[in-house]
């Protein structure tokens, strides 16, 4: 995936999350949980896009 596409996806996701946080009334705890879930999903997606998730899976404990 080209780097410009990654930036576009991150900008769109950030804008959508901002819209949800500002214009949909929610309890603060639900809002925090939503933000945490989105951040974790984006980090996992970025690791997968840059190919680092496959190297993490190869480690055995």
Protein backbone atom coordinates (compact mmCIF):
# COMPACT_ATOMS: atom_id res chain seq x y z
CA UNK A 1 0.00 0.00 0.00
CA UNK A 2 1.52 3.36 -0.98
CA UNK A 3 2.42 5.72 1.82
CA UNK A 4 0.02 8.42 0.58
CA UNK A 5 -2.88 5.98 0.95
CA UNK A 6 -1.86 5.29 4.55
CA UNK A 7 -1.87 9.03 5.30
CA UNK A 8 -5.25 9.48 3.63
CA UNK A 9 -6.76 6.63 5.66
CA UNK A 10 -5.30 8.03 8.90
CA UNK A 11 -6.66 11.51 8.14
CA UNK A 12 -10.13 10.16 7.30
CA UNK A 13 -10.21 7.97 10.42
CA UNK A 14 -9.09 10.86 12.59
CA UNK A 15 -11.74 13.13 11.10
CA UNK A 16 -14.49 10.54 11.58
CA UNK A 17 -13.42 9.94 15.18
CA UNK A 18 -13.40 13.71 15.78
CA UNK A 19 -16.92 13.98 14.33
CA UNK A 20 -18.16 11.15 16.53
CA UNK A 21 -16.53 12.66 19.64
CA UNK A 22 -17.96 16.13 19.04
CA UNK A 23 -21.41 15.55 17.55
CA UNK A 24 -22.72 12.28 19.02
CA UNK A 25 -23.64 12.61 22.69
CA UNK A 26 -22.12 9.75 24.69
CA UNK A 27 -21.09 9.02 28.23
CA UNK A 28 -17.41 9.86 28.86
CA UNK A 29 -16.49 6.25 29.66
CA UNK A 30 -18.02 4.96 26.43
CA UNK A 31 -16.23 7.71 24.54
CA UNK A 32 -12.88 6.76 26.10
CA UNK A 33 -13.44 3.07 25.34
CA UNK A 34 -14.30 3.92 21.72
CA UNK A 35 -11.15 6.02 21.37
CA UNK A 36 -8.96 3.29 22.86
CA UNK A 37 -10.45 0.62 20.58
CA UNK A 38 -9.93 2.80 17.51
CA UNK A 39 -6.32 3.60 18.46
CA UNK A 40 -5.50 -0.08 19.08
CA UNK A 41 -7.12 -1.08 15.77
CA UNK A 42 -5.17 1.60 13.89
CA UNK A 43 -1.88 0.55 15.49
CA UNK A 44 -2.49 -3.09 14.57
CA UNK A 45 -3.46 -2.06 11.03
CA UNK A 46 -0.30 0.06 10.68
CA UNK A 47 1.86 -2.82 11.91
CA UNK A 48 0.23 -5.06 9.33
CA UNK A 49 0.59 -2.50 6.51
CA UNK A 50 4.30 -2.02 7.17
CA UNK A 51 4.89 -5.77 7.48
CA UNK A 52 5.93 -5.74 11.11
CA UNK A 53 3.06 -7.89 12.32
CA UNK A 54 4.36 -10.93 10.46
CA UNK A 55 7.76 -10.64 12.14
CA UNK A 56 6.08 -10.35 15.55
CA UNK A 57 4.09 -13.52 14.90
CA UNK A 58 7.26 -15.48 14.14
CA UNK A 59 8.56 -15.10 17.72
CA UNK A 60 7.80 -17.97 20.05
CA UNK A 61 7.69 -17.73 23.81
